[in-house]
Amino acid sequence: MTDIRLPFQNNRNFMGSLSHTQQPICVVGAPTDSAVTYRSGTRFGPSSIRDASLMLTDGVYEKFPVDITKYCGDAGDMPIVSGNVEQALSTVERHYATLCKNNYVVCLGGDHSITLGIMRALTAITGPVAVVHFDAHCDTWLDHFGQPYGHGTWLRDCIEESLVDPKHVCSIGVRSPADKETREYLSGKGGTTISA
């Protein structure tokens, strides 16, 4: 695999962990917000999460004496080009597929559309997976302002591409209004929606 790290100091890695080499858990950033509606900024999520995580590394506590650096490494950020959602999804899928072959992968940041790229990579290895989706929005829109992919379409896309078995999908916390077809899409496919 090509080195996908963007240059930043090791002390800016997630929880002060080392760069990823052989650790079983891999943290990787997906700095993109090309598929959001009006609220850009999730592209800064990976660096913000890393910065905040450094507050958690001020000591190894007696009750939980775990040194995360033995288990977790930071693979940096995926080189996602801004402004092209399909290309972003392809980049996420490609890099996630490489990383999750031998690691448990935690992805930081990015708008919700990255989930589709992650699910494509993951299910190519595992087959369809179950999903517990915590969100105020149903994420089952047919399109995103006329575009095929967006932050609110990923769950429908995953179902349509048979990446998930809708009978094993539960959306919790949905409260935002949507048209009837969008709102009832998941339940119509056998999934569960728990409104808030």
Protein backbone atom coordinates (compact mmCIF):
# COMPACT_ATOMS: atom_id res chain seq x y z
CA MET A 1 0.00 0.00 0.00
CA THR A 2 1.19 3.50 -0.74
CA ASP A 3 1.92 5.60 2.31
CA ILE A 4 -1.26 7.63 2.79
CA ARG A 5 -0.07 9.71 5.73
CA LEU A 6 -0.16 13.44 5.47
CA PRO A 7 2.71 15.10 7.29
CA PHE A 8 1.92 15.96 10.89
CA GLN A 9 3.84 15.44 14.10
CA ASN A 10 3.55 12.18 16.04
CA ASN A 11 2.40 14.21 19.02
CA ARG A 12 -0.68 15.10 16.94
CA ASN A 13 -1.57 11.43 16.39
CA PHE A 14 -4.72 10.06 17.98
CA MET A 15 -4.18 9.92 21.77
CA GLY A 16 -0.46 10.41 21.17
CA SER A 17 -0.22 6.98 19.55
CA LEU A 18 2.59 6.03 17.20
CA SER A 19 2.24 5.99 13.45
CA HIS A 20 0.47 2.83 12.36
CA THR A 21 2.69 -0.14 11.58
CA GLN A 22 1.67 -3.48 13.11
CA GLN A 23 -0.78 -2.45 15.83
CA PRO A 24 -4.12 -4.30 15.62
CA ILE A 25 -6.20 -1.10 15.80
CA CYS A 26 -5.74 1.51 13.11
CA VAL A 27 -7.08 5.07 13.26
CA VAL A 28 -7.44 6.85 9.91
CA GLY A 29 -8.90 10.23 9.01
CA ALA A 30 -11.37 10.98 6.21
CA PRO A 31 -11.18 14.78 5.85
CA THR A 32 -14.08 15.50 3.52
CA ASP A 33 -17.32 17.45 3.54
CA SER A 34 -18.16 17.58 -0.15
CA ALA A 35 -21.55 15.94 0.42
CA VAL A 36 -22.96 18.09 3.22
CA THR A 37 -25.91 20.47 3.06
CA TYR A 38 -24.93 24.03 4.02
CA ARG A 39 -22.75 23.05 6.98
CA SER A 40 -19.25 22.42 5.78
CA GLY A 41 -16.50 21.76 8.28
CA THR A 42 -16.43 18.00 8.82
CA ARG A 43 -13.22 17.95 6.79
CA PHE A 44 -11.60 19.37 9.93
CA GLY A 45 -12.99 16.51 12.03
CA PRO A 46 -9.96 14.22 11.95
CA SER A 47 -7.51 16.87 13.16
CA SER A 48 -9.99 18.19 15.75
CA ILE A 49 -10.61 14.69 17.13
CA ARG A 50 -6.87 14.07 17.32
CA ASP A 51 -6.31 17.38 19.12
CA ALA A 52 -9.10 16.65 21.62
CA SER A 53 -7.84 13.09 22.17
CA LEU A 54 -4.51 14.42 23.46
CA MET A 55 -6.35 15.58 26.57
CA LEU A 56 -6.98 11.89 27.33
CA THR A 57 -3.30 10.98 27.45
CA ASP A 58 -2.16 12.74 30.59
CA GLY A 59 -1.35 9.53 32.40
CA VAL A 60 -1.95 5.81 32.70
CA TYR A 61 -4.51 5.31 35.41
CA GLU A 62 -4.10 2.68 38.08
CA LYS A 63 -7.64 1.36 37.59
CA PHE A 64 -7.18 1.02 33.81
CA PRO A 65 -3.44 0.55 33.21
CA VAL A 66 -3.61 0.34 29.43
CA ASP A 67 -1.04 1.89 27.16
CA ILE A 68 -2.96 2.51 23.94
CA THR A 69 0.21 2.85 21.88
CA LYS A 70 0.73 -0.93 22.11
CA TYR A 71 -2.62 -1.56 20.44
CA CYS A 72 -3.46 1.48 18.33
CA GLY A 73 -1.58 3.29 15.59
CA ASP A 74 -2.49 6.36 13.55
CA ALA A 75 -2.42 5.98 9.75
CA GLY A 76 -2.94 9.69 9.12
CA ASP A 77 -5.53 11.01 6.70
CA MET A 78 -6.73 9.56 3.42
CA PRO A 79 -5.80 11.84 0.48
CA ILE A 80 -9.37 12.84 -0.37
CA VAL A 81 -9.87 15.43 -3.09
CA SER A 82 -12.45 18.05 -2.16
CA GLY A 83 -15.48 18.68 -4.36
CA ASN A 84 -15.96 15.26 -5.96
CA VAL A 85 -18.14 12.93 -3.89
CA GLU A 86 -17.76 9.87 -6.12
CA GLN A 87 -13.98 10.22 -6.15
CA ALA A 88 -14.02 10.69 -2.36
CA LEU A 89 -16.05 7.49 -1.96
CA SER A 90 -13.61 5.62 -4.20
CA THR A 91 -10.64 6.86 -2.16
CA VAL A 92 -12.31 5.92 1.13
CA GLU A 93 -13.23 2.47 -0.18
CA ARG A 94 -9.73 1.77 -1.53
CA HIS A 95 -7.84 2.86 1.58
CA TYR A 96 -10.30 1.36 4.04
CA ALA A 97 -10.15 -1.98 2.17
CA THR A 98 -6.38 -2.06 2.48
CA LEU A 99 -6.40 -1.15 6.17
CA CYS A 100 -9.23 -3.44 7.31
CA LYS A 101 -7.66 -6.60 5.86
CA ASN A 102 -5.40 -6.89 8.92
CA ASN A 103 -6.73 -4.31 11.36
CA TYR A 104 -9.70 -3.10 13.31
CA VAL A 105 -10.20 0.33 11.73
CA VAL A 106 -11.62 3.44 13.36
CA CYS A 107 -12.39 6.20 10.86
CA LEU A 108 -12.34 9.82 12.05
CA GLY A 109 -14.34 12.61 10.57
CA GLY A 110 -15.83 13.14 7.17
CA ASP A 111 -19.47 13.73 6.38
CA HIS A 112 -21.85 10.77 6.49
CA SER A 113 -21.34 9.94 2.82
CA ILE A 114 -18.02 8.25 3.69
CA THR A 115 -20.03 5.46 5.30
CA LEU A 116 -20.92 4.15 1.86
CA GLY A 117 -17.24 3.82 0.90
CA ILE A 118 -16.47 2.15 4.23
CA MET A 119 -19.37 -0.29 3.85
CA ARG A 120 -18.32 -1.18 0.30
CA ALA A 121 -14.84 -2.05 1.54
CA LEU A 122 -15.99 -3.88 4.65
CA THR A 123 -18.67 -6.03 3.04
CA ALA A 124 -16.28 -7.07 0.26
CA ILE A 125 -14.40 -8.85 3.05
CA THR A 126 -17.18 -9.88 5.45
CA GLY A 127 -20.36 -9.97 3.39
CA PRO A 128 -23.44 -7.94 4.43
CA VAL A 129 -23.27 -6.51 7.94
CA ALA A 130 -25.77 -5.33 10.53
CA VAL A 131 -26.03 -1.60 11.21
CA VAL A 132 -27.13 0.39 14.24
CA HIS A 133 -27.56 3.96 12.99
CA PHE A 134 -27.79 6.76 15.59
CA ASP A 135 -28.95 9.94 13.87
CA ALA A 136 -31.68 12.54 13.85
CA HIS A 137 -31.97 12.03 10.09
CA CYS A 138 -33.08 8.88 8.29
CA ASP A 139 -30.27 9.00 5.64
CA THR A 140 -32.51 7.20 3.14
CA TRP A 141 -33.01 9.97 0.60
CA LEU A 142 -33.10 8.96 -3.06
CA ASP A 143 -30.60 11.66 -4.05
CA HIS A 144 -28.82 14.76 -2.78
CA PHE A 145 -30.20 17.80 -4.60
CA GLY A 146 -30.15 15.83 -7.86
CA GLN A 147 -26.76 14.24 -7.19
CA PRO A 148 -26.64 10.46 -6.70
CA TYR A 149 -24.65 10.54 -3.44
CA GLY A 150 -24.81 12.75 -0.38
CA HIS A 151 -24.64 12.69 3.39
CA GLY A 152 -28.34 11.78 3.55
CA THR A 153 -28.35 8.95 0.97
CA TRP A 154 -25.78 6.50 2.31
CA LEU A 155 -28.15 4.12 4.14
CA ARG A 156 -30.44 3.74 1.11
CA ASP A 157 -27.36 3.27 -1.08
CA CYS A 158 -26.05 0.53 1.23
CA ILE A 159 -29.39 -1.28 1.07
CA GLU A 160 -29.72 -0.86 -2.71
CA GLU A 161 -26.16 -2.20 -3.21
CA SER A 162 -26.89 -5.17 -0.86
CA LEU A 163 -24.11 -4.09 1.49
CA VAL A 164 -26.43 -4.51 4.46
CA ASP A 165 -29.41 -6.72 5.15
CA PRO A 166 -32.15 -4.18 5.91
CA LYS A 167 -33.75 -6.63 8.36
CA HIS A 168 -30.59 -6.12 10.46
CA VAL A 169 -30.63 -2.31 10.35
CA CYS A 170 -31.94 -0.19 13.20
CA SER A 171 -32.08 3.62 12.97
CA ILE A 172 -32.35 5.25 16.39
CA GLY A 173 -33.19 8.87 17.14
CA VAL A 174 -34.77 9.88 13.82
CA ARG A 175 -36.69 13.11 14.30
CA SER A 176 -36.24 15.18 11.16
CA PRO A 177 -39.16 15.43 8.76
CA ALA A 178 -38.88 13.80 5.37
CA ASP A 179 -41.35 12.82 2.66
CA LYS A 180 -43.34 9.65 3.36
CA GLU A 181 -41.36 7.46 0.94
CA THR A 182 -38.02 8.51 2.43
CA ARG A 183 -39.27 8.29 6.03
CA GLU A 184 -40.74 4.80 5.53
CA TYR A 185 -38.05 3.41 3.21
CA LEU A 186 -36.19 1.44 5.89
CA SER A 187 -39.30 -0.05 7.51
CA GLY A 188 -40.62 -0.92 4.04
CA LYS A 189 -37.46 -3.00 3.53
CA GLY A 190 -37.90 -4.76 6.89
CA GLY A 191 -35.65 -2.53 9.00
CA THR A 192 -36.48 -0.76 12.26
CA THR A 193 -36.74 2.97 12.91
CA ILE A 194 -37.00 4.30 16.44
CA SER A 195 -37.99 7.95 16.36
CA ALA A 196 -37.01 10.57 18.89
